[in-house]
Amino acid sequence: MPPPGSATPTPLNDAARRSLLGVPAPGTAATEMETMRDGLLARGITLKRYSPGEQRMVCPKCGGGSSAEHCFSITIDPDGQTSKWKCFRATCGFQGGYTVGSPYRPATSRK
């Protein structure tokens, strides 16, 4: 029992809990980027940034061959909801795409 004169704490609703913890509300840009990040990580793709635009890097599947070249290209569309990627090494060919909220489907690879 609380001491006399003290108020009983009120339970927090979801919005208040999110605000207190610094978690963005569903449907905001921060949540979309977080979801894009999770979707790409589930497919073995780790990026330096998850904002819209194109990036080139070493392929997460073939490692860029013996020279570790930046043969892998990934583009996140301006809306932050869709991404597409491709490895340009002939012996790899890892390619695919992801749309936020879509079910998991393994990406394709020639090997």
C-alpha atoms as a PDB file:
ATOM      1  CA  MET A   1       0.000   0.000   0.000  1.00  0.00           C
ATOM      2  CA  PRO A   2       1.407   3.418  -0.925  1.00  0.00           C
ATOM      3  CA  PRO A   3       2.148   5.909   1.842  1.00  0.00           C
ATOM      4  CA  PRO A   4      -0.642   8.397   2.596  1.00  0.00           C
ATOM      5  CA  GLY A   5      -0.708  11.377   0.237  1.00  0.00           C
ATOM      6  CA  SER A   6       1.202   9.678  -2.586  1.00  0.00           C
ATOM      7  CA  ALA A   7      -0.416   9.122  -5.957  1.00  0.00           C
ATOM      8  CA  THR A   8      -0.845   5.673  -7.376  1.00  0.00           C
ATOM      9  CA  PRO A   9       1.124   5.211 -10.594  1.00  0.00           C
ATOM     10  CA  THR A  10      -1.009   5.002 -13.703  1.00  0.00           C
ATOM     11  CA  PRO A  11      -0.212   2.267 -16.195  1.00  0.00           C
ATOM     12  CA  LEU A  12       1.419   3.549 -19.384  1.00  0.00           C
ATOM     13  CA  ASN A  13      -0.334   3.129 -22.692  1.00  0.00           C
ATOM     14  CA  ASP A  14       1.652   1.948 -25.737  1.00  0.00           C
ATOM     15  CA  ALA A  15       2.355   5.474 -27.067  1.00  0.00           C
ATOM     16  CA  ALA A  16       3.601   6.688 -23.678  1.00  0.00           C
ATOM     17  CA  ARG A  17       5.779   3.594 -23.242  1.00  0.00           C
ATOM     18  CA  ARG A  18       7.324   4.098 -26.711  1.00  0.00           C
ATOM     19  CA  SER A  19       7.973   7.768 -25.976  1.00  0.00           C
ATOM     20  CA  LEU A  20       9.587   6.989 -22.631  1.00  0.00           C
ATOM     21  CA  LEU A  21      11.851   4.344 -24.174  1.00  0.00           C
ATOM     22  CA  GLY A  22      12.680   6.451 -27.242  1.00  0.00           C
ATOM     23  CA  VAL A  23      11.105   3.910 -29.618  1.00  0.00           C
ATOM     24  CA  PRO A  24       9.571   5.473 -32.746  1.00  0.00           C
ATOM     25  CA  ALA A  25       5.862   4.992 -33.430  1.00  0.00           C
ATOM     26  CA  PRO A  26       4.897   2.429 -36.079  1.00  0.00           C
ATOM     27  CA  GLY A  27       4.909   3.820 -39.604  1.00  0.00           C
ATOM     28  CA  THR A  28       7.574   6.469 -38.975  1.00  0.00           C
ATOM     29  CA  ALA A  29      10.723   6.651 -41.100  1.00  0.00           C
ATOM     30  CA  ALA A  30      12.928   5.390 -38.262  1.00  0.00           C
ATOM     31  CA  THR A  31      10.790   2.275 -37.909  1.00  0.00           C
ATOM     32  CA  GLU A  32      10.915   1.674 -41.674  1.00  0.00           C
ATOM     33  CA  MET A  33      14.699   1.884 -41.738  1.00  0.00           C
ATOM     34  CA  GLU A  34      14.894  -0.430 -38.762  1.00  0.00           C
ATOM     35  CA  THR A  35      12.646  -2.893 -40.558  1.00  0.00           C
ATOM     36  CA  MET A  36      14.693  -2.601 -43.773  1.00  0.00           C
ATOM     37  CA  ARG A  37      17.810  -3.256 -41.699  1.00  0.00           C
ATOM     38  CA  ASP A  38      16.274  -6.346 -40.108  1.00  0.00           C
ATOM     39  CA  GLY A  39      15.116  -7.648 -43.492  1.00  0.00           C
ATOM     40  CA  LEU A  40      18.549  -7.252 -45.038  1.00  0.00           C
ATOM     41  CA  LEU A  41      20.333  -8.734 -42.027  1.00  0.00           C
ATOM     42  CA  ALA A  42      18.051 -11.788 -42.271  1.00  0.00           C
ATOM     43  CA  ARG A  43      19.390 -12.220 -45.815  1.00  0.00           C
ATOM     44  CA  GLY A  44      23.025 -11.920 -44.725  1.00  0.00           C
ATOM     45  CA  ILE A  45      23.504  -8.327 -45.939  1.00  0.00           C
ATOM     46  CA  THR A  46      25.118  -5.850 -43.535  1.00  0.00           C
ATOM     47  CA  LEU A  47      25.427  -2.242 -44.695  1.00  0.00           C
ATOM     48  CA  LYS A  48      27.247   0.836 -43.398  1.00  0.00           C
ATOM     49  CA  ARG A  49      23.983   2.787 -43.678  1.00  0.00           C
ATOM     50  CA  TYR A  50      20.393   1.782 -44.316  1.00  0.00           C
ATOM     51  CA  SER A  51      19.168   5.051 -45.808  1.00  0.00           C
ATOM     52  CA  PRO A  52      17.931   5.349 -49.410  1.00  0.00           C
ATOM     53  CA  GLY A  53      20.574   5.340 -52.141  1.00  0.00           C
ATOM     54  CA  GLU A  54      23.128   3.033 -53.765  1.00  0.00           C
ATOM     55  CA  GLN A  55      26.118   1.392 -52.111  1.00  0.00           C
ATOM     56  CA  ARG A  56      28.941  -0.775 -53.461  1.00  0.00           C
ATOM     57  CA  MET A  57      30.707  -3.241 -51.228  1.00  0.00           C
ATOM     58  CA  VAL A  58      32.298  -6.674 -51.021  1.00  0.00           C
ATOM     59  CA  CYS A  59      29.690  -9.357 -51.729  1.00  0.00           C
ATOM     60  CA  PRO A  60      28.448 -11.069 -48.545  1.00  0.00           C
ATOM     61  CA  LYS A  61      28.264 -14.418 -50.416  1.00  0.00           C
ATOM     62  CA  CYS A  62      31.476 -14.657 -52.481  1.00  0.00           C
ATOM     63  CA  GLY A  63      33.604 -12.137 -50.580  1.00  0.00           C
ATOM     64  CA  GLY A  64      34.595 -10.396 -53.822  1.00  0.00           C
ATOM     65  CA  GLY A  65      36.837 -13.260 -54.930  1.00  0.00           C
ATOM     66  CA  SER A  66      40.572 -13.397 -54.268  1.00  0.00           C
ATOM     67  CA  SER A  67      40.903  -9.629 -54.765  1.00  0.00           C
ATOM     68  CA  ALA A  68      38.005  -8.799 -52.396  1.00  0.00           C
ATOM     69  CA  GLU A  69      36.655  -6.339 -54.973  1.00  0.00           C
ATOM     70  CA  HIS A  70      33.557  -4.230 -54.369  1.00  0.00           C
ATOM     71  CA  CYS A  71      31.440  -6.196 -56.839  1.00  0.00           C
ATOM     72  CA  PHE A  72      28.172  -6.071 -54.873  1.00  0.00           C
ATOM     73  CA  SER A  73      25.694  -3.255 -55.477  1.00  0.00           C
ATOM     74  CA  ILE A  74      22.604  -2.572 -53.393  1.00  0.00           C
ATOM     75  CA  THR A  75      20.009   0.152 -53.880  1.00  0.00           C
ATOM     76  CA  ILE A  76      17.413   1.227 -51.333  1.00  0.00           C
ATOM     77  CA  ASP A  77      14.586   3.105 -53.067  1.00  0.00           C
ATOM     78  CA  PRO A  78      13.809   6.717 -52.041  1.00  0.00           C
ATOM     79  CA  ASP A  79      10.730   5.595 -50.092  1.00  0.00           C
ATOM     80  CA  GLY A  80      12.930   3.335 -47.927  1.00  0.00           C
ATOM     81  CA  GLN A  81      10.552   0.411 -48.466  1.00  0.00           C
ATOM     82  CA  THR A  82      12.249  -1.554 -51.266  1.00  0.00           C
ATOM     83  CA  SER A  83      15.790  -2.693 -51.928  1.00  0.00           C
ATOM     84  CA  LYS A  84      17.479  -4.606 -54.752  1.00  0.00           C
ATOM     85  CA  TRP A  85      20.955  -6.066 -54.899  1.00  0.00           C
ATOM     86  CA  LYS A  86      23.305  -7.881 -57.257  1.00  0.00           C
ATOM     87  CA  CYS A  87      26.843  -9.253 -57.250  1.00  0.00           C
ATOM     88  CA  PHE A  88      28.553  -8.577 -60.580  1.00  0.00           C
ATOM     89  CA  ARG A  89      31.104 -11.400 -60.336  1.00  0.00           C
ATOM     90  CA  ALA A  90      30.285 -13.980 -63.026  1.00  0.00           C
ATOM     91  CA  THR A  91      31.036 -16.873 -60.678  1.00  0.00           C
ATOM     92  CA  CYS A  92      28.634 -15.615 -57.981  1.00  0.00           C
ATOM     93  CA  GLY A  93      25.583 -13.796 -59.351  1.00  0.00           C
ATOM     94  CA  PHE A  94      23.981 -13.333 -55.906  1.00  0.00           C
ATOM     95  CA  GLN A  95      20.930 -11.147 -56.478  1.00  0.00           C
ATOM     96  CA  GLY A  96      17.573 -10.408 -54.963  1.00  0.00           C
ATOM     97  CA  GLY A  97      15.327  -7.819 -53.445  1.00  0.00           C
ATOM     98  CA  TYR A  98      13.372  -7.045 -50.318  1.00  0.00           C
ATOM     99  CA  THR A  99      10.241  -5.022 -49.630  1.00  0.00           C
ATOM    100  CA  VAL A 100       9.446  -4.020 -46.044  1.00  0.00           C
ATOM    101  CA  GLY A 101       6.733  -6.285 -44.684  1.00  0.00           C
ATOM    102  CA  SER A 102       7.131  -8.960 -47.358  1.00  0.00           C
ATOM    103  CA  PRO A 103       7.494 -12.603 -46.332  1.00  0.00           C
ATOM    104  CA  TYR A 104      10.994 -14.092 -46.264  1.00  0.00           C
ATOM    105  CA  ARG A 105      12.116 -15.670 -49.544  1.00  0.00           C
ATOM    106  CA  PRO A 106      15.740 -16.728 -49.957  1.00  0.00           C
ATOM    107  CA  ALA A 107      17.727 -14.640 -52.422  1.00  0.00           C
ATOM    108  CA  THR A 108      19.022 -16.308 -55.559  1.00  0.00           C
ATOM    109  CA  SER A 109      22.580 -17.239 -56.359  1.00  0.00           C
ATOM    110  CA  ARG A 110      24.149 -19.102 -59.275  1.00  0.00           C
ATOM    111  CA  LYS A 111      26.163 -21.353 -56.968  1.00  0.00           C
END
